[in-house]
Protein backbone atom coordinates (compact mmCIF):
# COMPACT_ATOMS: atom_id res chain seq x y z
CA LYS A 1 23.28 -98.56 56.23
CA SER A 2 23.81 -102.04 57.49
CA ALA A 3 26.72 -100.37 59.63
CA LEU A 4 23.78 -98.33 61.43
CA GLN A 5 21.30 -101.29 61.60
CA ALA A 6 23.86 -103.04 63.48
CA LYS A 7 22.98 -100.74 66.41
CA PRO A 8 26.33 -99.34 67.24
CA PRO A 9 26.57 -97.52 70.53
CA GLY A 10 25.03 -94.20 70.35
CA LEU A 11 22.21 -95.45 67.80
CA ALA A 12 19.81 -96.28 70.68
CA GLY A 13 20.82 -93.92 73.23
CA GLY A 14 19.79 -90.78 71.05
CA PHE A 15 16.25 -91.90 69.90
CA GLY A 16 14.70 -90.29 72.30
CA ALA A 17 16.57 -86.71 71.80
CA ASP A 18 15.72 -87.42 68.02
CA ALA A 19 11.82 -87.74 68.75
CA TRP A 20 12.02 -84.83 70.99
CA LEU A 21 13.26 -82.88 68.83
CA ALA A 22 11.30 -84.17 66.00
CA ASN A 23 14.70 -84.94 63.79
CA TRP A 24 12.69 -86.23 61.03
CA ASP A 25 15.74 -86.31 58.61
CA VAL A 26 18.02 -87.66 61.37
CA VAL A 27 18.90 -90.89 59.37
CA GLY A 28 19.20 -89.12 55.96
CA LEU A 29 17.40 -90.31 52.22
CA GLY A 30 21.23 -92.11 51.66
CA TYR A 31 21.42 -92.87 55.45
CA ASP A 32 24.29 -90.16 55.57
CA ASN A 33 23.16 -88.02 58.25
CA MET A 34 24.38 -90.71 60.87
CA GLN A 35 27.97 -91.65 60.76
CA VAL A 36 29.69 -94.16 62.32
CA GLY A 37 32.85 -93.04 63.69
CA PRO A 38 36.47 -94.75 63.99
CA ASP A 39 35.90 -95.37 67.37
CA GLY A 40 32.74 -97.17 66.57
CA LYS A 41 30.26 -94.76 67.81
CA VAL A 42 27.08 -93.34 65.87
CA TYR A 43 27.32 -89.57 65.69
CA ARG A 44 24.09 -87.49 64.29
CA ILE A 45 25.94 -85.07 61.71
CA ASP A 46 22.86 -83.19 60.06
CA PRO A 47 20.04 -82.01 62.21
CA GLY A 48 18.81 -79.78 59.65
CA GLY A 49 15.44 -81.73 59.67
CA ALA A 50 14.86 -81.11 63.64
CA LEU A 51 12.70 -78.53 65.54
CA ILE A 52 10.73 -76.33 63.62
CA TYR A 53 12.11 -76.54 60.19
CA ARG A 54 11.79 -79.61 57.65
CA ALA A 55 15.42 -80.87 56.03
CA GLN A 56 15.48 -78.48 52.95
CA GLY A 57 14.42 -75.36 55.48
CA GLY A 58 10.79 -74.85 55.14
CA GLU A 59 8.74 -74.68 58.28
CA LYS A 60 6.78 -77.56 60.17
CA GLY A 61 4.24 -75.22 61.14
CA ALA A 62 1.57 -77.26 63.07
CA ALA A 63 3.10 -80.64 62.47
CA PHE A 64 5.72 -79.98 65.12
CA GLY A 65 3.34 -79.80 67.93
CA ASP A 66 3.50 -80.49 71.98
CA SER A 67 2.94 -84.22 71.10
CA VAL A 68 5.98 -86.61 70.36
CA THR A 69 4.37 -88.59 67.54
CA GLU A 70 7.77 -89.28 66.04
CA ILE A 71 8.42 -92.03 68.99
CA SER A 72 6.31 -93.86 66.60
CA THR A 73 6.85 -92.01 63.09
CA LEU A 74 10.46 -92.84 63.08
CA ARG A 75 9.65 -96.35 63.70
CA ASP A 76 6.91 -96.70 60.75
CA ALA A 77 8.15 -97.75 57.26
CA ALA A 78 5.46 -96.14 55.74
CA LYS A 79 5.77 -92.46 57.27
CA ASN A 80 9.56 -92.78 57.46
CA PRO A 81 11.35 -95.72 55.65
CA GLN A 82 15.08 -94.72 56.12
CA ALA A 83 14.31 -94.27 59.83
CA ALA A 84 12.21 -97.45 60.21
CA ALA A 85 14.98 -99.27 58.44
CA ILE A 86 17.11 -98.22 61.40
CA PHE A 87 14.77 -97.48 64.48
CA ALA A 88 12.22 -100.15 64.06
CA SER A 89 14.16 -102.89 65.70
CA LEU A 90 14.77 -100.90 68.97
CA THR A 91 13.40 -102.85 72.01
CA PRO A 92 10.99 -101.12 74.35
CA ALA A 93 13.53 -100.87 77.07
CA GLU A 94 16.20 -98.82 74.54
CA ILE A 95 13.52 -96.50 73.77
CA GLU A 96 12.73 -95.91 77.36
CA ALA A 97 16.15 -95.24 78.18
CA SER A 98 16.81 -92.94 75.88
CA VAL A 99 13.75 -90.71 76.53
CA ALA A 100 15.09 -91.35 80.46
CA LYS A 101 17.97 -88.88 78.83
CA VAL A 102 15.32 -86.42 77.63
CA LEU A 103 13.94 -86.45 80.89
CA ALA A 104 16.73 -85.65 82.86
CA ILE A 105 17.31 -82.11 81.16
CA PRO A 106 15.82 -79.60 83.47
CA ASP A 107 13.08 -77.06 82.37
CA ALA A 108 15.27 -74.07 83.21
CA LEU A 109 18.46 -75.53 80.97
CA ILE A 110 16.09 -75.80 78.05
CA HIS A 111 14.83 -72.44 78.16
CA SER A 112 18.24 -70.73 78.95
CA LEU A 113 19.69 -72.89 75.71
CA VAL A 114 16.80 -72.04 73.41
CA SER A 115 17.19 -68.49 74.45
CA LYS A 116 20.99 -68.23 74.04
CA TYR A 117 21.19 -70.45 70.85
CA GLY A 118 17.64 -70.65 69.31
CA PRO A 119 16.27 -69.18 66.24
CA GLY A 120 13.96 -65.96 65.95
CA SER A 121 12.96 -63.18 68.35
CA ALA A 122 12.81 -63.13 72.48
CA LYS A 123 9.25 -63.97 71.83
CA GLU A 124 9.96 -66.89 69.15
CA LYS A 125 12.54 -68.45 71.30
CA ALA A 126 10.25 -68.48 74.57
CA GLU A 127 7.51 -70.05 72.57
CA LEU A 128 9.99 -72.88 71.15
CA ALA A 129 11.34 -73.31 74.68
CA SER A 130 7.80 -73.86 76.18
CA LYS A 131 7.35 -76.31 73.23
CA LEU A 132 10.11 -78.34 73.90
CA VAL A 133 9.10 -78.73 77.71
CA ALA A 134 5.63 -79.75 76.61
CA ARG A 135 6.92 -82.40 74.27
CA LYS A 136 9.52 -83.35 77.27
CA MET A 137 6.21 -83.57 79.43
CA ASP A 138 4.36 -85.56 76.76
CA LEU A 139 7.12 -88.31 76.83
CA ALA A 140 6.89 -88.20 80.40
CA LYS A 141 3.27 -89.29 79.92
CA GLN A 142 4.16 -91.88 77.20
CA PHE A 143 6.99 -93.67 79.09
CA PRO A 144 6.45 -93.32 82.96
CA GLY A 145 8.91 -95.57 83.95
CA ALA A 146 11.47 -93.25 82.16
CA ALA A 147 11.09 -90.50 84.56
CA PRO A 148 13.76 -89.56 87.00
CA ALA A 149 13.52 -90.99 90.70
CA VAL A 150 12.75 -88.05 93.02
CA PRO A 151 15.18 -87.81 95.35
CA VAL A 152 13.63 -88.61 99.06
CA ALA A 153 15.09 -87.29 101.92
CA PRO A 154 16.42 -89.75 104.70
CA PRO A 155 14.11 -90.08 107.73
CA LYS A 156 14.56 -88.11 110.61
CA PRO A 157 16.19 -90.11 113.70
CA ASP A 158 13.54 -90.22 116.43
CA PRO A 159 15.75 -89.12 119.35
CA THR A 160 13.83 -90.92 121.76
CA LYS A 161 14.96 -94.09 119.93
CA LEU A 162 18.59 -93.32 119.46
CA ASN A 163 21.50 -95.82 120.85
CA VAL A 164 23.16 -93.08 122.80
CA ASP A 165 25.53 -94.32 125.99
CA PRO A 166 24.31 -92.02 128.63
CA SER A 167 27.69 -91.60 130.23
CA MET A 168 28.78 -90.11 126.90
CA LEU A 169 26.55 -87.23 127.50
CA PRO A 170 27.54 -83.99 128.85
CA GLN A 171 25.89 -83.43 132.20
CA LYS A 172 23.28 -81.35 133.22
CA PHE A 173 24.28 -77.88 134.13
CA SER A 174 22.65 -75.97 137.11
CA PHE A 175 22.92 -72.33 136.73
CA LEU A 176 21.69 -72.01 140.31
CA ALA A 177 24.30 -74.27 141.56
CA ALA A 178 27.08 -72.13 139.73
CA ASN A 179 29.33 -70.03 141.48
CA GLY A 180 29.50 -72.00 144.59
CA GLY A 181 25.45 -72.10 144.79
CA LYS A 182 25.31 -68.37 144.34
CA GLY A 183 23.53 -68.97 141.32
CA GLN A 184 24.53 -66.52 138.40
CA ILE A 185 28.10 -66.74 137.06
CA GLY A 186 28.68 -63.19 136.22
CA ARG A 187 26.84 -60.12 134.63
CA ALA A 188 27.40 -59.30 131.17
CA SER A 189 28.22 -56.04 130.62
CA CYS A 190 26.70 -53.93 127.73
CA ARG A 191 28.39 -50.68 126.76
């Protein structure tokens, strides 16, 4: 527990994903679902309480909704004392940075991965992917500062205001003056 409370690398950065995936048992009753590796980083080793399932395998049902209430409940000692012991001290900036990682995941990738690896029938996988996208949208509403910046196309230059040396430009070509003033240079033949 104390090793996790020291906020090793990866702990705060993964919080947004823990909440988004509704990983209620992310810390574990015995603080054993997260481990600090030899490299000093946190690893989540038991995601059994994530998505539609509870830690012991039962379904969450309506408790796994489109709103990411876990942003609060994973930090609330009355609702999840183990998770709160680890996550309650996260700063707003740390939470927003962790949510930004979730918001950077393209919706198409969510649908693709759930379709390939998700549980249930094709219909159930589609519903789960849609729910994850809805939950991602909820995180975007809760943390507008975490939304990825939309790339802005550079403005098109105004050709009348370009810094161009006229002597470097090609000279105008006159088709009338071509061919010794006879105009047309030659006829194109079509065969």
